[in-house]
C-alpha atoms as a PDB file:
ATOM      1  CA  MET A   1      53.649  12.275 -11.896  1.00  0.00           C
ATOM      2  CA  PHE A   2      52.849  10.046 -14.543  1.00  0.00           C
ATOM      3  CA  LYS A   3      55.717   7.676 -13.661  1.00  0.00           C
ATOM      4  CA  THR A   4      54.990   7.906  -9.819  1.00  0.00           C
ATOM      5  CA  ARG A   5      51.166   6.729 -11.313  1.00  0.00           C
ATOM      6  CA  PHE A   6      52.864   4.153 -13.435  1.00  0.00           C
ATOM      7  CA  TYR A   7      55.047   2.548 -10.949  1.00  0.00           C
ATOM      8  CA  ALA A   8      52.483   2.263  -8.263  1.00  0.00           C
ATOM      9  CA  PHE A   9      50.091   0.578 -10.977  1.00  0.00           C
ATOM     10  CA  CYS A  10      53.243  -1.996 -11.629  1.00  0.00           C
ATOM     11  CA  LEU A  11      53.593  -2.574  -7.999  1.00  0.00           C
ATOM     12  CA  ALA A  12      49.888  -3.446  -7.515  1.00  0.00           C
ATOM     13  CA  VAL A  13      49.872  -5.761 -10.460  1.00  0.00           C
ATOM     14  CA  PHE A  14      53.225  -7.277  -8.872  1.00  0.00           C
ATOM     15  CA  ILE A  15      51.750  -7.604  -5.842  1.00  0.00           C
ATOM     16  CA  GLY A  16      48.598  -9.099  -6.965  1.00  0.00           C
ATOM     17  CA  LEU A  17      50.438 -11.589  -9.173  1.00  0.00           C
ATOM     18  CA  THR A  18      52.817 -12.244  -6.532  1.00  0.00           C
ATOM     19  CA  SER A  19      50.014 -13.220  -4.267  1.00  0.00           C
ATOM     20  CA  THR A  20      48.709 -15.632  -6.875  1.00  0.00           C
ATOM     21  CA  ALA A  21      51.847 -16.998  -7.724  1.00  0.00           C
ATOM     22  CA  ALA A  22      52.839 -17.576  -4.420  1.00  0.00           C
ATOM     23  CA  MET A  23      50.141 -20.337  -3.655  1.00  0.00           C
ATOM     24  CA  ALA A  24      52.023 -22.671  -6.480  1.00  0.00           C
ATOM     25  CA  GLN A  25      55.394 -21.724  -5.199  1.00  0.00           C
ATOM     26  CA  SER A  26      57.345 -23.510  -2.688  1.00  0.00           C
ATOM     27  CA  ILE A  27      58.707 -21.291   0.277  1.00  0.00           C
ATOM     28  CA  SER A  28      62.135 -22.121  -0.812  1.00  0.00           C
ATOM     29  CA  ASP A  29      61.587 -20.996  -4.409  1.00  0.00           C
ATOM     30  CA  ARG A  30      60.158 -17.562  -3.133  1.00  0.00           C
ATOM     31  CA  VAL A  31      62.872 -17.089  -0.892  1.00  0.00           C
ATOM     32  CA  ASP A  32      65.409 -17.710  -3.992  1.00  0.00           C
ATOM     33  CA  PHE A  33      63.307 -15.259  -5.704  1.00  0.00           C
ATOM     34  CA  ALA A  34      63.621 -12.599  -2.959  1.00  0.00           C
ATOM     35  CA  HIS A  35      67.396 -13.342  -2.868  1.00  0.00           C
ATOM     36  CA  ARG A  36      67.840 -12.545  -6.463  1.00  0.00           C
ATOM     37  CA  ARG A  37      65.810  -9.622  -6.434  1.00  0.00           C
ATOM     38  CA  ILE A  38      68.077  -7.843  -3.643  1.00  0.00           C
ATOM     39  CA  GLU A  39      70.979  -9.021  -5.276  1.00  0.00           C
ATOM     40  CA  HIS A  40      70.095  -7.431  -8.648  1.00  0.00           C
ATOM     41  CA  GLY A  41      68.998  -4.295  -6.844  1.00  0.00           C
ATOM     42  CA  ILE A  42      72.251  -4.055  -5.347  1.00  0.00           C
ATOM     43  CA  ARG A  43      74.270  -4.897  -8.828  1.00  0.00           C
ATOM     44  CA  SER A  44      72.197  -2.444 -10.555  1.00  0.00           C
ATOM     45  CA  GLY A  45      72.471   0.455  -8.453  1.00  0.00           C
ATOM     46  CA  GLN A  46      68.436   0.592  -7.600  1.00  0.00           C
ATOM     47  CA  LEU A  47      69.225   0.019  -3.909  1.00  0.00           C
ATOM     48  CA  THR A  48      71.521   2.317  -1.636  1.00  0.00           C
ATOM     49  CA  ARG A  49      73.742   0.396   0.612  1.00  0.00           C
ATOM     50  CA  GLU A  50      71.752   1.197   3.721  1.00  0.00           C
ATOM     51  CA  GLU A  51      68.491   0.054   1.746  1.00  0.00           C
ATOM     52  CA  ALA A  52      70.419  -3.383   0.853  1.00  0.00           C
ATOM     53  CA  TYR A  53      71.665  -3.919   4.554  1.00  0.00           C
ATOM     54  CA  ARG A  54      67.918  -3.504   5.600  1.00  0.00           C
ATOM     55  CA  LEU A  55      66.470  -5.663   3.221  1.00  0.00           C
ATOM     56  CA  LYS A  56      69.098  -8.561   3.863  1.00  0.00           C
ATOM     57  CA  GLY A  57      68.206  -8.440   7.398  1.00  0.00           C
ATOM     58  CA  GLU A  58      64.747  -8.993   6.946  1.00  0.00           C
ATOM     59  CA  PHE A  59      65.447 -11.688   4.709  1.00  0.00           C
ATOM     60  CA  HIS A  60      67.681 -13.401   7.035  1.00  0.00           C
ATOM     61  CA  HIS A  61      64.872 -13.147   9.690  1.00  0.00           C
ATOM     62  CA  ILE A  62      62.533 -14.995   7.286  1.00  0.00           C
ATOM     63  CA  LEU A  63      65.267 -17.543   7.015  1.00  0.00           C
ATOM     64  CA  GLU A  64      65.667 -18.076  10.626  1.00  0.00           C
ATOM     65  CA  ASP A  65      62.190 -18.203  10.990  1.00  0.00           C
ATOM     66  CA  GLU A  66      62.158 -20.839   8.557  1.00  0.00           C
ATOM     67  CA  ARG A  67      64.643 -22.762  10.056  1.00  0.00           C
ATOM     68  CA  ARG A  68      62.964 -22.999  13.272  1.00  0.00           C
ATOM     69  CA  MET A  69      59.697 -23.633  12.357  1.00  0.00           C
ATOM     70  CA  ALA A  70      61.267 -26.553   9.867  1.00  0.00           C
ATOM     71  CA  ALA A  71      62.867 -28.076  12.992  1.00  0.00           C
ATOM     72  CA  ASP A  72      60.576 -31.175  13.338  1.00  0.00           C
ATOM     73  CA  GLY A  73      60.631 -32.108   9.800  1.00  0.00           C
ATOM     74  CA  ARG A  74      57.989 -30.118   8.183  1.00  0.00           C
ATOM     75  CA  LEU A  75      55.979 -26.735   7.830  1.00  0.00           C
ATOM     76  CA  ASP A  76      52.303 -26.972   8.704  1.00  0.00           C
ATOM     77  CA  HIS A  77      49.755 -24.761   7.155  1.00  0.00           C
ATOM     78  CA  ARG A  78      49.973 -21.936   9.605  1.00  0.00           C
ATOM     79  CA  GLU A  79      53.731 -21.790   9.698  1.00  0.00           C
ATOM     80  CA  ARG A  80      53.443 -21.610   5.787  1.00  0.00           C
ATOM     81  CA  GLU A  81      50.846 -19.027   5.620  1.00  0.00           C
ATOM     82  CA  ARG A  82      53.241 -17.258   8.300  1.00  0.00           C
ATOM     83  CA  LEU A  83      56.130 -17.418   5.949  1.00  0.00           C
ATOM     84  CA  ASN A  84      54.351 -16.367   2.861  1.00  0.00           C
ATOM     85  CA  HIS A  85      52.878 -13.462   4.876  1.00  0.00           C
ATOM     86  CA  GLU A  86      56.677 -12.506   5.426  1.00  0.00           C
ATOM     87  CA  LEU A  87      57.879 -13.134   2.102  1.00  0.00           C
ATOM     88  CA  ASP A  88      54.838 -11.016   0.761  1.00  0.00           C
ATOM     89  CA  ARG A  89      55.654  -8.226   3.115  1.00  0.00           C
ATOM     90  CA  LEU A  90      59.623  -8.510   2.170  1.00  0.00           C
ATOM     91  CA  GLU A  91      58.749  -8.435  -1.724  1.00  0.00           C
ATOM     92  CA  ARG A  92      56.700  -5.190  -1.011  1.00  0.00           C
ATOM     93  CA  HIS A  93      59.578  -3.748   0.711  1.00  0.00           C
ATOM     94  CA  ILE A  94      62.076  -4.684  -2.020  1.00  0.00           C
ATOM     95  CA  SER A  95      59.725  -3.039  -4.835  1.00  0.00           C
ATOM     96  CA  HIS A  96      59.230  -0.114  -2.960  1.00  0.00           C
ATOM     97  CA  LEU A  97      62.864   0.465  -2.305  1.00  0.00           C
ATOM     98  CA  LYS A  98      63.874  -0.277  -5.781  1.00  0.00           C
ATOM     99  CA  HIS A  99      61.791   2.197  -6.984  1.00  0.00           C
ATOM    100  CA  ASN A 100      62.038   5.186  -4.698  1.00  0.00           C
ATOM    101  CA  GLU A 101      64.017   7.488  -6.879  1.00  0.00           C
ATOM    102  CA  GLU A 102      66.880   7.917  -3.907  1.00  0.00           C
ATOM    103  CA  ARG A 103      69.989   9.215  -5.099  1.00  0.00           C
ATOM    104  CA  ARG A 104      72.837   6.218  -5.324  1.00  0.00           C
END
């Protein structure tokens, strides 16, 4: 019980810090960070094969959105906001799946 509450608290703090840090980070930095977190989860065994597959699919969807939005040479405010929202959601999913206590 304590462990679950501790993880929930850490997740809430992480999301708060990530949202604040996202303002200062570029989209490419956040994409790199999310990719490293997924790869670390795979290597450490914190993610099952199915979880990793699902996260990588979400990750590649964000990459495709970024490429499509940047096709005109730049990202406007709305496009950046949308990508940041998608990256926030991906980071929440990564945290949830890495700490969900499923058997590996």
